[in-house]
Each structure stands twice: as C-alpha cells, then as structure tokens.
C-alpha cells in the first residue's frame, strides 16, 4: 500500500501454474480513495461537518477536491504503517 500510484484494481490470473499480474491503466489507489472521500463529502446536502468543532461548513468544489485528496493521502499513509 506504500505506492499511491499503484492501480486501484489490478488483475491477476494463473495460467499453467504461473501467476500473472496485469497493471492496466485506470484509476490509481489515490484517485480511488479521493473519489470515495469526495462522494462522502458531497453526499450531505448540508456540506462538510467538522467532527472536532461540530460546525457545518459550506465548501466550494475546489475545497472539496483538495480535502478529498488530503483524506486519500492520509488513508494511504495510515495503511502503509
């Protein structure tokens, strides 16, 4: 999990006893995690709720994108420990 640019959905198959991996182009782990974070952030009609202060904040699309990427990077860092 240490490389956020690894493919999110690599394919693997075995043929004649040999295992093969396919690293097709597509979403990276970082992009996939960011997309899931963005989906969670935007699923609330009220905006992002700060869990520390319990205050709801309206966010621009740019701020949502930056937050989603930050959350993805933090998840990758934690999973790499």
N, C-alpha and C. Protein backbone atom coordinates (compact mmCIF):
# COMPACT_ATOMS: atom_id res chain seq x y z
N UNK A 1 0.82 -1.20 0.00
CA UNK A 1 0.00 0.00 0.00
C UNK A 1 0.87 1.26 0.00
N UNK A 2 2.16 1.11 -0.02
CA UNK A 2 3.02 2.28 0.09
C UNK A 2 3.02 3.16 -1.15
N UNK A 3 2.63 2.66 -2.30
CA UNK A 3 2.65 3.46 -3.51
C UNK A 3 1.23 3.87 -3.90
N UNK A 4 0.87 5.15 -3.71
CA UNK A 4 -0.49 5.59 -4.03
C UNK A 4 -0.77 5.58 -5.52
N UNK A 5 0.26 5.41 -6.34
CA UNK A 5 0.07 5.42 -7.79
C UNK A 5 -0.05 4.03 -8.37
N UNK A 6 -0.07 3.00 -7.51
CA UNK A 6 -0.39 1.65 -7.97
C UNK A 6 -1.82 1.63 -8.45
N UNK A 7 -2.16 0.72 -9.37
CA UNK A 7 -3.54 0.67 -9.85
C UNK A 7 -4.50 0.25 -8.74
N UNK A 8 -5.68 0.83 -8.77
CA UNK A 8 -6.69 0.51 -7.76
C UNK A 8 -7.25 -0.89 -7.96
N UNK A 9 -7.29 -1.35 -9.19
CA UNK A 9 -7.91 -2.65 -9.49
C UNK A 9 -7.02 -3.48 -10.40
N UNK A 10 -5.86 -3.94 -9.90
CA UNK A 10 -5.02 -4.79 -10.75
C UNK A 10 -5.69 -6.14 -10.96
N UNK A 11 -5.39 -6.75 -12.08
CA UNK A 11 -5.96 -8.07 -12.38
C UNK A 11 -4.87 -9.13 -12.24
N UNK A 12 -5.27 -10.30 -11.80
CA UNK A 12 -4.33 -11.40 -11.62
C UNK A 12 -4.97 -12.68 -12.15
N UNK A 13 -4.18 -13.49 -12.84
CA UNK A 13 -4.69 -14.78 -13.28
C UNK A 13 -3.55 -15.79 -13.29
N UNK A 14 -3.91 -17.05 -13.22
CA UNK A 14 -2.93 -18.14 -13.22
C UNK A 14 -3.12 -18.95 -14.49
N UNK A 15 -2.00 -19.20 -15.16
CA UNK A 15 -2.01 -19.98 -16.40
C UNK A 15 -0.85 -20.95 -16.36
N UNK A 16 -1.13 -22.21 -16.48
CA UNK A 16 -0.11 -23.25 -16.44
C UNK A 16 0.75 -23.17 -15.18
N UNK A 17 0.12 -22.84 -14.06
CA UNK A 17 0.83 -22.76 -12.79
C UNK A 17 1.57 -21.46 -12.54
N UNK A 18 1.57 -20.56 -13.49
CA UNK A 18 2.24 -19.27 -13.34
C UNK A 18 1.21 -18.17 -13.10
N UNK A 19 1.49 -17.33 -12.10
CA UNK A 19 0.60 -16.22 -11.79
C UNK A 19 1.06 -14.98 -12.54
N UNK A 20 0.12 -14.31 -13.17
CA UNK A 20 0.40 -13.10 -13.94
C UNK A 20 -0.40 -11.94 -13.37
N UNK A 21 0.22 -10.77 -13.36
CA UNK A 21 -0.46 -9.55 -12.94
C UNK A 21 -0.58 -8.62 -14.14
N UNK A 22 -1.74 -7.98 -14.26
CA UNK A 22 -1.95 -7.00 -15.30
C UNK A 22 -2.12 -5.65 -14.64
N UNK A 23 -1.28 -4.72 -14.98
CA UNK A 23 -1.38 -3.37 -14.45
C UNK A 23 -1.92 -2.47 -15.56
N UNK A 24 -3.20 -2.61 -15.82
CA UNK A 24 -3.83 -1.81 -16.86
C UNK A 24 -3.97 -0.37 -16.39
N UNK A 25 -3.98 0.52 -17.36
CA UNK A 25 -4.19 1.91 -17.00
C UNK A 25 -5.60 2.09 -16.49
N UNK A 26 -5.75 2.96 -15.59
CA UNK A 26 -7.04 3.22 -14.97
C UNK A 26 -6.80 4.03 -13.71
N UNK A 27 -7.73 3.94 -12.78
CA UNK A 27 -7.60 4.70 -11.55
C UNK A 27 -6.48 4.17 -10.68
N UNK A 28 -5.79 5.10 -10.03
CA UNK A 28 -4.79 4.72 -9.04
C UNK A 28 -5.50 4.57 -7.70
N UNK A 29 -4.79 4.00 -6.74
CA UNK A 29 -5.35 3.89 -5.39
C UNK A 29 -5.68 5.27 -4.85
N UNK A 30 -4.80 6.24 -5.09
CA UNK A 30 -5.01 7.60 -4.60
C UNK A 30 -6.27 8.21 -5.21
N UNK A 31 -6.43 8.05 -6.51
CA UNK A 31 -7.61 8.59 -7.18
C UNK A 31 -8.89 7.92 -6.67
N UNK A 32 -8.83 6.62 -6.47
CA UNK A 32 -10.00 5.88 -6.00
C UNK A 32 -10.39 6.32 -4.59
N UNK A 33 -9.40 6.41 -3.69
CA UNK A 33 -9.70 6.84 -2.33
C UNK A 33 -10.22 8.27 -2.30
N UNK A 34 -9.65 9.14 -3.13
CA UNK A 34 -10.11 10.53 -3.20
C UNK A 34 -11.55 10.59 -3.72
N UNK A 35 -11.87 9.77 -4.70
CA UNK A 35 -13.24 9.74 -5.23
C UNK A 35 -14.23 9.28 -4.16
N UNK A 36 -13.83 8.30 -3.37
CA UNK A 36 -14.73 7.82 -2.30
C UNK A 36 -14.91 8.90 -1.23
N UNK A 37 -13.83 9.60 -0.92
CA UNK A 37 -13.92 10.69 0.07
C UNK A 37 -14.80 11.81 -0.47
N UNK A 38 -14.63 12.15 -1.75
CA UNK A 38 -15.44 13.21 -2.35
C UNK A 38 -16.91 12.82 -2.37
N UNK A 39 -17.18 11.56 -2.63
CA UNK A 39 -18.57 11.08 -2.62
C UNK A 39 -19.18 11.25 -1.23
N UNK A 40 -18.42 10.92 -0.20
CA UNK A 40 -18.93 11.06 1.17
C UNK A 40 -19.15 12.53 1.52
N UNK A 41 -18.21 13.38 1.13
CA UNK A 41 -18.32 14.81 1.45
C UNK A 41 -19.54 15.42 0.78
N UNK A 42 -19.75 15.07 -0.48
CA UNK A 42 -20.84 15.69 -1.24
C UNK A 42 -22.18 15.01 -1.04
N UNK A 43 -22.22 13.90 -0.33
CA UNK A 43 -23.49 13.19 -0.13
C UNK A 43 -24.41 13.91 0.84
N UNK A 44 -23.86 14.82 1.64
CA UNK A 44 -24.67 15.59 2.57
C UNK A 44 -25.11 16.88 1.90
N UNK A 45 -26.39 17.16 1.96
CA UNK A 45 -26.90 18.39 1.37
C UNK A 45 -26.50 19.61 2.19
N UNK A 46 -26.03 19.38 3.40
CA UNK A 46 -25.66 20.48 4.29
C UNK A 46 -24.19 20.87 4.18
N UNK A 47 -23.38 20.07 3.53
CA UNK A 47 -21.97 20.38 3.41
C UNK A 47 -21.12 19.52 4.34
N UNK A 48 -19.88 19.88 4.49
CA UNK A 48 -18.92 19.13 5.31
C UNK A 48 -19.07 19.51 6.76
N UNK A 49 -19.16 18.52 7.64
CA UNK A 49 -19.29 18.79 9.06
C UNK A 49 -17.96 18.49 9.73
N UNK A 50 -17.38 19.50 10.35
CA UNK A 50 -16.13 19.35 11.07
C UNK A 50 -16.40 18.52 12.32
N UNK A 51 -15.77 17.35 12.41
CA UNK A 51 -16.04 16.44 13.53
C UNK A 51 -15.47 16.96 14.85
N UNK A 52 -14.50 17.87 14.78
CA UNK A 52 -13.89 18.40 16.01
C UNK A 52 -14.77 19.50 16.59
N UNK A 53 -15.17 20.45 15.76
CA UNK A 53 -15.94 21.59 16.25
C UNK A 53 -17.44 21.39 16.12
N UNK A 54 -17.84 20.35 15.38
CA UNK A 54 -19.26 20.04 15.14
C UNK A 54 -19.97 21.19 14.41
N UNK A 55 -19.20 21.90 13.56
CA UNK A 55 -19.75 23.01 12.78
C UNK A 55 -19.81 22.59 11.32
N UNK A 56 -20.97 22.81 10.69
CA UNK A 56 -21.10 22.51 9.28
C UNK A 56 -20.58 23.68 8.46
N UNK A 57 -19.85 23.36 7.40
CA UNK A 57 -19.19 24.38 6.59
C UNK A 57 -19.57 24.18 5.13
N UNK A 58 -19.99 25.26 4.47
CA UNK A 58 -20.21 25.21 3.03
C UNK A 58 -18.85 25.23 2.35
N UNK A 59 -18.68 24.42 1.32
CA UNK A 59 -17.39 24.33 0.66
C UNK A 59 -17.54 24.49 -0.84
N UNK A 60 -16.56 25.14 -1.45
CA UNK A 60 -16.53 25.26 -2.90
C UNK A 60 -16.07 23.92 -3.49
N UNK A 61 -16.34 23.68 -4.76
CA UNK A 61 -15.85 22.45 -5.39
C UNK A 61 -14.33 22.29 -5.28
N UNK A 62 -13.60 23.39 -5.38
CA UNK A 62 -12.14 23.32 -5.26
C UNK A 62 -11.73 22.86 -3.87
N UNK A 63 -12.38 23.38 -2.83
CA UNK A 63 -12.04 22.99 -1.46
C UNK A 63 -12.42 21.53 -1.20
N UNK A 64 -13.53 21.10 -1.78
CA UNK A 64 -13.93 19.69 -1.64
C UNK A 64 -12.89 18.79 -2.27
N UNK A 65 -12.42 19.15 -3.46
CA UNK A 65 -11.41 18.34 -4.15
C UNK A 65 -10.12 18.26 -3.34
N UNK A 66 -9.66 19.38 -2.82
CA UNK A 66 -8.43 19.40 -2.02
C UNK A 66 -8.59 18.56 -0.76
N UNK A 67 -9.73 18.68 -0.08
CA UNK A 67 -9.98 17.89 1.12
C UNK A 67 -10.02 16.40 0.79
N UNK A 68 -10.66 16.04 -0.30
CA UNK A 68 -10.74 14.63 -0.70
C UNK A 68 -9.34 14.05 -0.95
N UNK A 69 -8.50 14.81 -1.62
CA UNK A 69 -7.13 14.35 -1.89
C UNK A 69 -6.34 14.24 -0.59
N UNK A 70 -6.50 15.22 0.30
CA UNK A 70 -5.82 15.16 1.60
C UNK A 70 -6.26 13.92 2.39
N UNK A 71 -7.56 13.63 2.38
CA UNK A 71 -8.05 12.46 3.09
C UNK A 71 -7.51 11.17 2.47
N UNK A 72 -7.45 11.12 1.15
CA UNK A 72 -6.89 9.94 0.47
C UNK A 72 -5.43 9.74 0.85
N UNK A 73 -4.67 10.83 0.86
CA UNK A 73 -3.25 10.73 1.22
C UNK A 73 -3.07 10.27 2.66
N UNK A 74 -3.91 10.75 3.56
CA UNK A 74 -3.84 10.33 4.97
C UNK A 74 -4.18 8.85 5.11
N UNK A 75 -5.19 8.39 4.36
CA UNK A 75 -5.55 6.97 4.42
C UNK A 75 -4.40 6.11 3.92
N UNK A 76 -3.79 6.50 2.82
CA UNK A 76 -2.66 5.74 2.29
C UNK A 76 -1.50 5.73 3.30
N UNK A 77 -1.23 6.86 3.93
CA UNK A 77 -0.15 6.92 4.92
C UNK A 77 -0.44 5.98 6.09
N UNK A 78 -1.67 5.97 6.57
CA UNK A 78 -2.02 5.09 7.69
C UNK A 78 -1.96 3.62 7.29
N UNK A 79 -2.42 3.30 6.09
CA UNK A 79 -2.39 1.91 5.64
C UNK A 79 -0.97 1.43 5.39
N UNK A 80 -0.05 2.35 5.16
CA UNK A 80 1.35 1.99 4.91
C UNK A 80 2.14 1.73 6.18
N UNK A 81 1.57 2.04 7.31
CA UNK A 81 2.28 1.85 8.59
C UNK A 81 2.35 0.38 8.95
